[in-house]
Amino acid sequence: MFLTKDVEIVKTTLPYNRIRKQYDCVSYDTLNDVLRESLGASRERPVYVEVTGGGEHCVAFFRNGQIYNAGTLRNGQFVETTIKEFILAATKADPARVICYEFDSKILHSLLILFQKKPALKLLTSLVDLDQVLDKIEEEGKSCIVAAGQDEFFAILRYEKGRVMAFCHEQTSPAHLERSLREEFLVKIYTLSAEKPLSISVYEDLLVRYASDARVIDAGYKGSIVDLYATKPPVVTLVFRDKEIGHWALDRPLFRIGRTPDNDIVVDNLAVSRIHSVIEEDKGGYYIRDCDSLNGTIVNGRRVGRALLKNADEITIGKHTLVFQTRGSKPISPCPAPDGFDQTVIMHAGKRPATNPYPAPRTDTPAAVPPAAVGEHRPSAPRPRLVQRLNDDERVFEIGESSLTMGKDENADVSIEGFLVAGRHAEIALEDGHYVIRHLSGMRKVTVDGEPVKERILKNHDRIRIAKKEFVFEE
């Protein structure tokens, strides 16, 4: 463990296979070299980079030559962050000690779940028979992650369809295990819990995603990795009748725009809805998204549902204008993920995963259409979309590179209000070359062409209805 000035911090040891390299007294200037070496190492096997110093304990996950995700860990609490937040924390640590750990894809996927998800079940070893918990998981054929923690110690037992597929804690070498993976897990837990109870968490939602600001870094990219993520954010300027009212730096992933004082950018005009629209960062790009406003959101004279913002774009909201401006060099356009850089991993108990959770990098990508890389912009083909037809207009929601979510949550891509509608009620995701709609939660039915569905592959012109809202899927 290590100390800050005010509070003692317990440094939890995450599982790994071996330490690849250690770096002492890393500075802002040398951090870029550390990140480059880690990117290169991850082309062989996944790695994670841990930074400690000044009370910070932050990690970044690397795979297939890309930075996949990042997070912080304090006193056993896992919190997902952006890659930018990781880099800024690393540059502020004084002195910074960095360790690059090598691990496998199953550990990568399991750790990402801990940083991104909330446990379905949380308990103490003193209050439950852990054997019975594991028996129930195996009897029901569940796919889940069972995590156990106590101060510096941390362990993971991974189930796939009721079978134990991985066990890891600290430095793990499965070849040296003398008992079954389940027995090894239980022996370790019961030994430690004799002195102090351990916290047990069970995670059943096994869908993971890369960081919201993840960018494709081409192997030939020569620029600074640190500057790529830590440059100054764009700014928006609110203008009314040719007078500037205010400026805002887009230094957070989400900015809400609306008439009421609880918004980040308040536009005091009756033509503006309570929550009118949001500006959100996604994979390095900034998007304006209309929140079902009455009078719509206009970008450069065109009404939009969701649109990528470019330097000097003018956003009209009511009688006011927001001018979007990048600062410094030309912004990097958000790019599609290259082969092997998973956008989501979905595992379902009792059937094959919708996508391969641990795919090997493909080698058959046609040379004529390589994935777009950092520093270059290539026009993309028209994306599938949802069209909501209104009396005298229509709203269009593009389905981006990651899944499109629908529900009451303010961060949902498509806002849907109504009794018994959940925050994340449904999603549409690209899986195995098809767009799949999935009912996630909530009591209201999700129907496709009038038929209630839990999960279905969408076809062109399918009609999707949730509560009182109907959309047409167009490819």
Protein backbone atom coordinates (compact mmCIF):
# COMPACT_ATOMS: atom_id res chain seq x y z
CA MET A 1 0.00 0.00 0.00
CA PHE A 2 1.08 3.63 -0.37
CA LEU A 3 0.17 6.94 1.28
CA THR A 4 -1.12 10.32 0.28
CA LYS A 5 -0.97 13.35 2.57
CA ASP A 6 -4.48 12.84 3.93
CA VAL A 7 -5.53 9.24 3.46
CA GLU A 8 -4.05 5.78 3.23
CA ILE A 9 -4.64 4.15 -0.14
CA VAL A 10 -4.79 0.38 -0.47
CA LYS A 11 -3.28 -0.69 -3.80
CA THR A 12 -5.17 -3.70 -5.13
CA THR A 13 -3.10 -6.06 -7.26
CA LEU A 14 -4.87 -6.88 -10.52
CA PRO A 15 -4.30 -10.31 -12.08
CA TYR A 16 -1.57 -10.71 -14.69
CA ASN A 17 0.60 -13.40 -16.27
CA ARG A 18 3.95 -11.66 -16.07
CA ILE A 19 5.54 -8.23 -15.72
CA ARG A 20 6.77 -7.18 -19.13
CA LYS A 21 8.60 -4.00 -18.14
CA GLN A 22 8.92 -1.50 -15.28
CA TYR A 23 9.56 2.22 -15.59
CA ASP A 24 10.61 4.48 -12.72
CA CYS A 25 10.27 8.28 -12.48
CA VAL A 26 8.25 8.61 -15.70
CA SER A 27 7.84 12.22 -16.79
CA TYR A 28 5.49 13.90 -19.26
CA ASP A 29 8.20 13.64 -21.92
CA THR A 30 8.99 9.95 -21.36
CA LEU A 31 5.34 8.87 -21.02
CA ASN A 32 4.97 8.93 -24.79
CA ASP A 33 7.79 6.37 -25.13
CA VAL A 34 6.09 4.13 -22.54
CA LEU A 35 2.81 4.26 -24.44
CA ARG A 36 4.50 3.49 -27.75
CA GLU A 37 6.33 0.48 -26.30
CA SER A 38 3.07 -0.78 -24.78
CA LEU A 39 1.22 -0.38 -28.10
CA GLY A 40 3.92 -2.44 -29.79
CA ALA A 41 3.87 -5.11 -27.08
CA SER A 42 0.07 -5.47 -27.33
CA ARG A 43 0.35 -6.63 -30.93
CA GLU A 44 1.65 -9.93 -29.54
CA ARG A 45 -0.48 -10.27 -26.40
CA PRO A 46 -2.79 -7.95 -24.44
CA VAL A 47 -1.08 -5.77 -21.83
CA TYR A 48 -2.21 -3.27 -19.27
CA VAL A 49 -0.20 -0.31 -18.03
CA GLU A 50 -0.51 0.67 -14.38
CA VAL A 51 0.53 4.10 -13.13
CA THR A 52 0.97 4.82 -9.42
CA GLY A 53 2.26 7.91 -7.67
CA GLY A 54 0.83 10.83 -5.79
CA GLY A 55 -2.12 8.74 -4.62
CA GLU A 56 -3.22 7.82 -8.15
CA HIS A 57 -3.74 4.22 -9.25
CA CYS A 58 -4.83 4.24 -12.87
CA VAL A 59 -4.65 1.64 -15.61
CA ALA A 60 -4.98 1.50 -19.38
CA PHE A 61 -5.67 -1.64 -21.40
CA PHE A 62 -3.90 -2.30 -24.72
CA ARG A 63 -4.75 -4.86 -27.37
CA ASN A 64 -3.78 -5.43 -31.01
CA GLY A 65 -1.74 -2.24 -31.13
CA GLN A 66 -4.57 -0.05 -29.79
CA ILE A 67 -5.47 1.54 -26.45
CA TYR A 68 -8.70 -0.25 -25.60
CA ASN A 69 -9.94 1.32 -22.37
CA ALA A 70 -8.85 2.90 -19.10
CA GLY A 71 -9.90 3.19 -15.48
CA THR A 72 -8.93 4.04 -11.92
CA LEU A 73 -8.87 1.80 -8.86
CA ARG A 74 -9.08 3.11 -5.34
CA ASN A 75 -9.69 1.00 -2.24
CA GLY A 76 -11.14 -1.82 -4.30
CA GLN A 77 -13.55 0.39 -6.27
CA PHE A 78 -13.33 0.08 -10.05
CA VAL A 79 -14.21 3.19 -12.08
CA GLU A 80 -14.06 3.44 -15.88
CA THR A 81 -12.44 6.59 -17.27
CA THR A 82 -11.57 7.98 -20.67
CA ILE A 83 -8.11 7.40 -22.11
CA LYS A 84 -7.56 11.15 -21.85
CA GLU A 85 -8.26 11.05 -18.11
CA PHE A 86 -5.75 8.21 -17.73
CA ILE A 87 -3.05 10.15 -19.57
CA LEU A 88 -3.71 13.35 -17.63
CA ALA A 89 -3.54 11.43 -14.34
CA ALA A 90 -0.29 9.80 -15.45
CA THR A 91 1.27 13.17 -16.30
CA LYS A 92 0.27 14.61 -12.92
CA ALA A 93 1.61 11.70 -10.83
CA ASP A 94 4.81 12.83 -9.09
CA PRO A 95 6.85 10.74 -9.19
CA ALA A 96 5.13 8.32 -11.57
CA ARG A 97 5.97 4.63 -11.45
CA VAL A 98 4.73 2.65 -14.41
CA ILE A 99 4.51 -1.13 -14.84
CA CYS A 100 3.48 -2.92 -18.05
CA TYR A 101 1.80 -6.26 -17.30
CA GLU A 102 1.19 -9.00 -19.85
CA PHE A 103 -2.00 -11.04 -19.63
CA ASP A 104 -4.42 -12.99 -21.85
CA SER A 105 -7.68 -12.08 -23.56
CA LYS A 106 -9.89 -13.78 -20.98
CA ILE A 107 -8.37 -11.70 -18.18
CA LEU A 108 -8.72 -8.58 -20.36
CA HIS A 109 -12.41 -9.19 -20.93
CA SER A 110 -13.01 -10.04 -17.27
CA LEU A 111 -11.27 -6.92 -15.96
CA LEU A 112 -13.11 -4.66 -18.40
CA ILE A 113 -16.41 -5.96 -17.01
CA LEU A 114 -15.33 -4.96 -13.50
CA PHE A 115 -14.49 -1.43 -14.63
CA GLN A 116 -17.61 -0.97 -16.77
CA LYS A 117 -20.43 -2.86 -15.05
CA LYS A 118 -22.29 -3.00 -11.75
CA PRO A 119 -22.48 -6.41 -10.05
CA ALA A 120 -25.76 -8.30 -10.16
CA LEU A 121 -24.96 -9.65 -6.69
CA LYS A 122 -22.65 -8.35 -3.96
CA LEU A 123 -22.05 -10.04 -0.60
CA LEU A 124 -19.51 -10.94 2.09
CA THR A 125 -18.01 -14.38 2.63
CA SER A 126 -19.13 -14.19 6.27
CA LEU A 127 -22.78 -14.01 5.19
CA VAL A 128 -23.02 -16.63 2.46
CA ASP A 129 -21.86 -20.14 1.58
CA LEU A 130 -19.70 -19.48 -1.48
CA ASP A 131 -19.87 -23.16 -2.46
CA GLN A 132 -23.65 -22.86 -2.84
CA VAL A 133 -23.32 -19.71 -4.95
CA LEU A 134 -20.96 -21.50 -7.36
CA ASP A 135 -23.18 -24.61 -7.40
CA LYS A 136 -26.16 -22.48 -8.47
CA ILE A 137 -24.15 -20.83 -11.27
CA GLU A 138 -23.12 -24.24 -12.59
CA GLU A 139 -26.60 -25.76 -12.27
CA GLU A 140 -28.18 -22.89 -14.21
CA GLY A 141 -25.44 -22.88 -16.85
CA LYS A 142 -24.69 -19.19 -16.39
CA SER A 143 -21.96 -17.12 -18.02
CA CYS A 144 -20.66 -14.71 -15.40
CA ILE A 145 -17.65 -13.33 -13.57
CA VAL A 146 -17.17 -14.02 -9.84
CA ALA A 147 -14.75 -11.53 -8.28
CA ALA A 148 -13.32 -11.63 -4.77
CA GLY A 149 -11.42 -8.80 -3.09
CA GLN A 150 -9.76 -7.97 0.21
CA ASP A 151 -7.34 -5.04 0.54
CA GLU A 152 -4.43 -5.76 -1.85
CA PHE A 153 -5.75 -9.20 -2.88
CA PHE A 154 -8.03 -9.66 -5.85
CA ALA A 155 -9.16 -12.78 -7.73
CA ILE A 156 -11.47 -13.64 -10.63
CA LEU A 157 -13.29 -16.88 -11.42
CA ARG A 158 -14.76 -16.88 -14.92
CA TYR A 159 -17.76 -18.99 -15.95
CA GLU A 160 -18.93 -19.66 -19.50
CA LYS A 161 -22.21 -21.59 -19.77
CA GLY A 162 -21.80 -22.96 -16.26
CA ARG A 163 -18.23 -24.13 -16.78
CA VAL A 164 -15.19 -22.59 -15.12
CA MET A 165 -12.99 -21.31 -17.94
CA ALA A 166 -10.44 -19.15 -16.09
CA PHE A 167 -9.12 -18.37 -12.63
CA CYS A 168 -6.61 -15.62 -11.95
CA HIS A 169 -5.18 -13.71 -9.01
CA GLU A 170 -1.99 -11.67 -8.77
CA GLN A 171 0.62 -13.45 -10.92
CA THR A 172 -1.21 -16.46 -12.31
CA SER A 173 0.26 -19.43 -14.13
CA PRO A 174 -2.50 -22.05 -14.71
CA ALA A 175 0.09 -24.67 -15.65
CA HIS A 176 1.26 -24.77 -12.03
CA LEU A 177 -2.18 -25.30 -10.46
CA GLU A 178 -2.50 -28.60 -8.58
CA ARG A 179 -6.28 -28.51 -8.13
CA SER A 180 -9.22 -27.59 -10.34
CA LEU A 181 -9.75 -23.87 -11.03
CA ARG A 182 -12.80 -23.80 -8.75
CA GLU A 183 -10.93 -25.52 -5.94
CA GLU A 184 -7.98 -23.16 -6.26
CA PHE A 185 -10.38 -20.21 -6.04
CA LEU A 186 -12.19 -21.55 -2.97
CA VAL A 187 -9.00 -22.54 -1.12
CA LYS A 188 -7.59 -19.06 -1.62
CA ILE A 189 -10.82 -17.36 -0.53
CA TYR A 190 -11.41 -19.52 2.53
CA THR A 191 -7.80 -19.13 3.65
CA LEU A 192 -7.97 -15.33 3.53
CA SER A 193 -11.51 -15.07 4.93
CA ALA A 194 -10.43 -16.87 8.13
CA GLU A 195 -8.85 -13.56 9.20
CA LYS A 196 -11.15 -11.05 7.50
CA PRO A 197 -14.27 -11.39 5.29
CA LEU A 198 -13.83 -10.93 1.57
CA SER A 199 -16.20 -9.02 -0.71
CA ILE A 200 -17.73 -11.24 -3.41
CA SER A 201 -19.27 -9.72 -6.55
CA VAL A 202 -21.07 -11.58 -9.35
CA TYR A 203 -21.27 -9.89 -12.78
CA GLU A 204 -23.81 -11.25 -15.27
CA ASP A 205 -23.75 -8.50 -17.93
CA LEU A 206 -20.80 -9.55 -20.10
CA LEU A 207 -20.99 -6.87 -22.79
CA VAL A 208 -17.91 -4.65 -22.86
CA ARG A 209 -16.95 -1.66 -24.96
CA TYR A 210 -13.84 0.32 -25.73
CA ALA A 211 -13.35 3.81 -24.26
CA SER A 212 -15.58 6.59 -25.57
CA ASP A 213 -12.50 8.48 -26.80
CA ALA A 214 -10.66 5.47 -28.27
CA ARG A 215 -9.04 6.23 -31.61
CA VAL A 216 -7.46 4.07 -34.26
CA ILE A 217 -3.69 4.53 -34.03
CA ASP A 218 -2.02 3.41 -37.23
CA ALA A 219 1.26 1.49 -36.83
CA GLY A 220 2.97 4.20 -38.91
CA TYR A 221 1.68 7.12 -36.82
CA LYS A 222 4.72 9.23 -35.78
CA GLY A 223 3.04 11.89 -33.66
CA SER A 224 2.82 12.12 -29.87
CA ILE A 225 0.41 9.64 -28.27
CA VAL A 226 0.15 11.90 -25.22
CA ASP A 227 -0.75 14.97 -27.29
CA LEU A 228 -3.22 12.88 -29.31
CA TYR A 229 -5.43 12.54 -26.23
CA ALA A 230 -4.37 15.47 -24.04
CA THR A 231 -4.77 18.37 -26.46
CA LYS A 232 -7.11 21.19 -25.54
CA PRO A 233 -10.77 20.39 -26.19
CA PRO A 234 -12.96 22.28 -28.70
CA VAL A 235 -15.02 25.24 -27.54
CA VAL A 236 -18.54 26.37 -28.34
CA THR A 237 -19.63 30.01 -28.36
CA LEU A 238 -23.25 31.01 -27.79
CA VAL A 239 -24.31 33.90 -30.05
CA PHE A 240 -27.57 35.91 -30.07
CA ARG A 241 -28.15 38.77 -32.54
CA ASP A 242 -24.43 38.89 -33.39
CA LYS A 243 -23.46 39.22 -29.72
CA GLU A 244 -21.38 36.58 -27.94
CA ILE A 245 -23.08 35.48 -24.74
CA GLY A 246 -20.66 32.85 -23.45
CA HIS A 247 -17.92 30.31 -24.18
CA TRP A 248 -17.62 26.69 -23.01
CA ALA A 249 -14.69 24.29 -23.35
CA LEU A 250 -15.97 20.79 -24.16
CA ASP A 251 -13.82 19.18 -21.47
CA ARG A 252 -16.35 16.51 -20.49
CA PRO A 253 -17.87 13.65 -22.51
CA LEU A 254 -21.37 15.18 -22.41
CA PHE A 255 -22.77 18.75 -22.45
CA ARG A 256 -26.51 19.30 -22.08
CA ILE A 257 -28.16 22.25 -23.81
CA GLY A 258 -31.61 23.50 -22.86
CA ARG A 259 -33.87 26.15 -21.40
CA THR A 260 -33.76 25.18 -17.69
CA PRO A 261 -30.92 26.10 -15.30
CA ASP A 262 -29.87 22.46 -14.72
CA ASN A 263 -28.33 22.31 -18.22
CA ASP A 264 -24.62 22.87 -18.89
CA ILE A 265 -25.43 25.48 -21.55
CA VAL A 266 -28.60 27.42 -20.76
CA VAL A 267 -30.42 29.03 -23.71
CA ASP A 268 -33.15 31.28 -22.31
CA ASN A 269 -35.73 31.22 -25.07
CA LEU A 270 -39.27 29.83 -25.23
CA ALA A 271 -38.46 28.14 -28.55
CA VAL A 272 -35.91 25.98 -26.73
CA SER A 273 -36.99 22.76 -25.02
CA ARG A 274 -36.23 21.97 -21.38
CA ILE A 275 -33.48 19.57 -22.49
CA HIS A 276 -33.07 20.47 -26.15
CA SER A 277 -29.91 18.67 -27.30
CA VAL A 278 -26.53 17.41 -26.15
CA ILE A 279 -22.97 17.62 -27.44
CA GLU A 280 -21.19 14.34 -26.81
CA GLU A 281 -17.70 13.02 -27.45
CA ASP A 282 -17.55 9.64 -29.19
CA LYS A 283 -14.34 7.92 -30.38
CA GLY A 284 -12.49 11.22 -30.66
CA GLY A 285 -15.24 13.09 -32.51
CA TYR A 286 -17.84 15.53 -31.19
CA TYR A 287 -21.50 15.06 -32.08
CA ILE A 288 -24.62 17.16 -31.60
CA ARG A 289 -27.68 15.04 -30.76
CA ASP A 290 -31.25 16.32 -30.66
CA CYS A 291 -33.21 15.20 -27.58
CA ASP A 292 -36.64 15.04 -29.16
CA SER A 293 -36.94 18.82 -29.00
CA LEU A 294 -40.10 20.47 -30.30
CA ASN A 295 -38.39 22.83 -32.77
CA GLY A 296 -35.41 20.68 -33.64
CA THR A 297 -31.65 21.16 -33.80
CA ILE A 298 -30.23 22.77 -36.95
CA VAL A 299 -26.61 22.40 -38.12
CA ASN A 300 -25.57 24.71 -40.97
CA GLY A 301 -29.22 25.11 -41.99
CA ARG A 302 -30.08 21.39 -41.92
CA ARG A 303 -32.21 19.73 -39.26
CA VAL A 304 -30.41 16.75 -37.71
CA GLY A 305 -31.01 13.92 -35.27
CA ARG A 306 -27.32 13.36 -34.62
CA ALA A 307 -24.43 14.84 -36.57
CA LEU A 308 -20.64 14.96 -36.42
CA LEU A 309 -19.40 18.49 -35.77
CA LYS A 310 -16.61 20.11 -37.78
CA ASN A 311 -14.67 23.29 -37.13
CA ALA A 312 -16.81 26.45 -37.57
CA ASP A 313 -20.12 24.53 -37.71
CA GLU A 314 -23.09 26.65 -36.64
CA ILE A 315 -25.76 25.02 -34.49
CA THR A 316 -29.10 26.81 -34.40
CA ILE A 317 -31.22 26.25 -31.31
CA GLY A 318 -34.32 28.40 -31.12
CA LYS A 319 -33.18 31.93 -31.97
CA HIS A 320 -29.63 31.35 -30.70
CA THR A 321 -26.54 30.01 -32.45
CA LEU A 322 -23.73 27.87 -31.05
CA VAL A 323 -20.46 28.05 -33.00
CA PHE A 324 -18.25 24.96 -32.69
CA GLN A 325 -14.50 25.64 -32.90
CA THR A 326 -11.50 23.35 -32.55
CA ARG A 327 -8.37 24.66 -30.89
CA GLY A 328 -4.83 24.12 -32.15
CA SER A 329 -4.21 21.67 -34.97
CA LYS A 330 -6.84 20.21 -37.21
CA PRO A 331 -8.95 17.73 -35.23
CA ILE A 332 -8.60 14.03 -35.93
CA SER A 333 -11.70 12.55 -37.48
CA PRO A 334 -13.26 9.61 -35.62
CA CYS A 335 -12.47 6.40 -37.46
CA PRO A 336 -13.90 2.90 -37.63
CA ALA A 337 -12.19 0.29 -35.51
CA PRO A 338 -9.64 -1.92 -37.28
CA ASP A 339 -9.98 -5.70 -37.41
CA GLY A 340 -9.44 -7.21 -33.98
CA PHE A 341 -10.33 -3.96 -32.13
CA ASP A 342 -13.64 -5.09 -30.66
CA GLN A 343 -16.40 -2.59 -30.22
CA THR A 344 -18.55 -4.83 -28.08
CA VAL A 345 -18.30 -8.31 -26.67
CA ILE A 346 -21.58 -10.05 -25.92
CA MET A 347 -21.90 -13.43 -24.23
CA HIS A 348 -25.20 -15.17 -23.63
CA ALA A 349 -25.68 -18.12 -21.33
CA GLY A 350 -26.84 -21.22 -23.15
CA LYS A 351 -25.86 -20.20 -26.68
CA ARG A 352 -22.87 -19.15 -28.71
CA PRO A 353 -21.56 -15.59 -28.25
CA ALA A 354 -23.08 -13.12 -30.69
CA THR A 355 -19.54 -12.05 -31.55
CA ASN A 356 -16.28 -13.79 -30.87
CA PRO A 357 -15.02 -12.30 -27.58
CA TYR A 358 -11.38 -13.02 -28.38
CA PRO A 359 -10.83 -12.83 -32.15
CA ALA A 360 -7.36 -13.03 -33.62
CA PRO A 361 -6.31 -10.14 -35.85
CA ARG A 362 -7.39 -10.76 -39.44
CA THR A 363 -4.79 -10.89 -42.17
CA ASP A 364 -7.15 -10.86 -45.15
CA THR A 365 -8.12 -7.18 -45.08
CA PRO A 366 -7.97 -5.98 -48.72
CA ALA A 367 -5.06 -3.64 -49.25
CA ALA A 368 -7.32 -1.28 -51.19
CA VAL A 369 -9.52 -0.53 -48.17
CA PRO A 370 -7.35 -0.51 -45.02
CA PRO A 371 -8.92 0.91 -41.85
CA ALA A 372 -8.69 4.67 -41.60
CA ALA A 373 -5.92 5.77 -39.26
CA VAL A 374 -5.15 8.66 -36.95
CA GLY A 375 -4.27 11.78 -38.89
CA GLU A 376 -6.18 10.99 -42.07
CA HIS A 377 -9.83 11.37 -43.04
CA ARG A 378 -11.65 9.13 -45.49
CA PRO A 379 -15.28 9.51 -46.49
CA SER A 380 -17.41 6.76 -45.01
CA ALA A 381 -20.26 4.96 -46.70
CA PRO A 382 -23.79 5.94 -45.64
CA ARG A 383 -24.66 4.28 -42.37
CA PRO A 384 -27.89 2.50 -41.52
CA ARG A 385 -30.33 4.69 -39.66
CA LEU A 386 -33.63 4.92 -37.85
CA VAL A 387 -36.18 7.31 -39.32
CA GLN A 388 -39.02 8.68 -37.20
CA ARG A 389 -41.68 10.15 -39.44
CA LEU A 390 -43.71 13.02 -37.97
CA ASN A 391 -46.64 14.99 -39.32
CA ASP A 392 -44.61 17.46 -41.32
CA ASP A 393 -41.04 16.34 -40.79
CA GLU A 394 -38.83 13.40 -39.95
CA ARG A 395 -36.02 12.74 -37.49
CA VAL A 396 -33.05 10.65 -38.49
CA PHE A 397 -30.82 8.76 -36.06
CA GLU A 398 -27.66 7.34 -37.60
CA ILE A 399 -26.48 4.02 -36.22
CA GLY A 400 -22.80 4.62 -35.56
CA GLU A 401 -19.86 2.28 -35.18
CA SER A 402 -21.00 1.19 -31.72
CA SER A 403 -24.51 0.23 -30.64
CA LEU A 404 -27.43 2.68 -30.66
CA THR A 405 -29.39 2.76 -27.40
CA MET A 406 -33.05 3.64 -26.91
CA GLY A 407 -34.77 4.58 -23.65
CA LYS A 408 -35.34 7.18 -20.94
CA ASP A 409 -31.68 7.57 -19.97
CA GLU A 410 -30.41 11.04 -20.81
CA ASN A 411 -27.38 9.45 -22.50
CA ALA A 412 -29.52 7.21 -24.73
CA ASP A 413 -29.05 7.87 -28.45
CA VAL A 414 -32.82 7.83 -29.00
CA SER A 415 -34.90 9.32 -26.20
CA ILE A 416 -38.16 7.48 -25.46
CA GLU A 417 -40.49 8.55 -22.68
CA GLY A 418 -43.46 6.66 -21.33
CA PHE A 419 -44.76 4.56 -18.47
CA LEU A 420 -42.71 1.36 -17.90
CA VAL A 421 -40.01 2.43 -20.38
CA ALA A 422 -36.54 1.70 -18.95
CA GLY A 423 -33.47 3.93 -19.06
CA ARG A 424 -31.77 1.54 -21.49
CA HIS A 425 -34.83 -0.14 -22.95
CA ALA A 426 -33.41 -1.47 -26.22
CA GLU A 427 -30.32 -1.35 -28.40
CA ILE A 428 -29.35 -1.92 -32.01
CA ALA A 429 -25.86 -3.35 -32.57
CA LEU A 430 -23.83 -4.62 -35.51
CA GLU A 431 -23.10 -8.31 -35.02
CA ASP A 432 -21.60 -10.69 -37.59
CA GLY A 433 -22.47 -8.32 -40.43
CA HIS A 434 -26.11 -7.87 -39.36
CA TYR A 435 -27.87 -5.20 -37.32
CA VAL A 436 -29.62 -6.79 -34.35
CA ILE A 437 -32.28 -5.14 -32.16
CA ARG A 438 -32.39 -6.38 -28.58
CA HIS A 439 -34.91 -5.69 -25.79
CA LEU A 440 -32.66 -4.95 -22.77
CA SER A 441 -35.07 -4.10 -19.94
CA GLY A 442 -38.37 -2.42 -19.11
CA MET A 443 -41.95 -3.72 -19.22
CA ARG A 444 -43.03 -2.10 -22.49
CA LYS A 445 -42.80 -4.38 -25.51
CA VAL A 446 -40.38 -3.84 -28.36
CA THR A 447 -42.14 -4.75 -31.60
CA VAL A 448 -40.81 -5.23 -35.12
CA ASP A 449 -43.53 -5.09 -37.79
CA GLY A 450 -46.10 -5.52 -35.02
CA GLU A 451 -44.49 -8.64 -33.48
CA PRO A 452 -43.00 -8.48 -29.93
CA VAL A 453 -39.31 -9.42 -29.95
CA LYS A 454 -36.51 -10.06 -27.50
CA GLU A 455 -33.84 -10.18 -30.17
CA ARG A 456 -34.05 -10.05 -33.96
CA ILE A 457 -31.92 -9.34 -37.02
CA LEU A 458 -33.28 -6.24 -38.72
CA LYS A 459 -34.15 -6.00 -42.42
CA ASN A 460 -34.46 -2.90 -44.54
CA HIS A 461 -37.75 -1.01 -43.89
CA ASP A 462 -38.57 -2.93 -40.68
CA ARG A 463 -40.93 -0.92 -38.46
CA ILE A 464 -39.81 -0.68 -34.82
CA ARG A 465 -42.18 0.48 -32.11
CA ILE A 466 -41.59 1.22 -28.42
CA ALA A 467 -44.38 2.85 -26.40
CA LYS A 468 -45.87 5.56 -28.65
CA LYS A 469 -42.85 5.97 -30.91
CA GLU A 470 -42.33 4.20 -34.22
CA PHE A 471 -39.20 4.12 -36.33
CA VAL A 472 -38.28 2.68 -39.72
CA PHE A 473 -34.91 0.90 -40.08
CA GLU A 474 -33.21 1.89 -43.32
CA GLU A 475 -29.99 0.42 -44.71
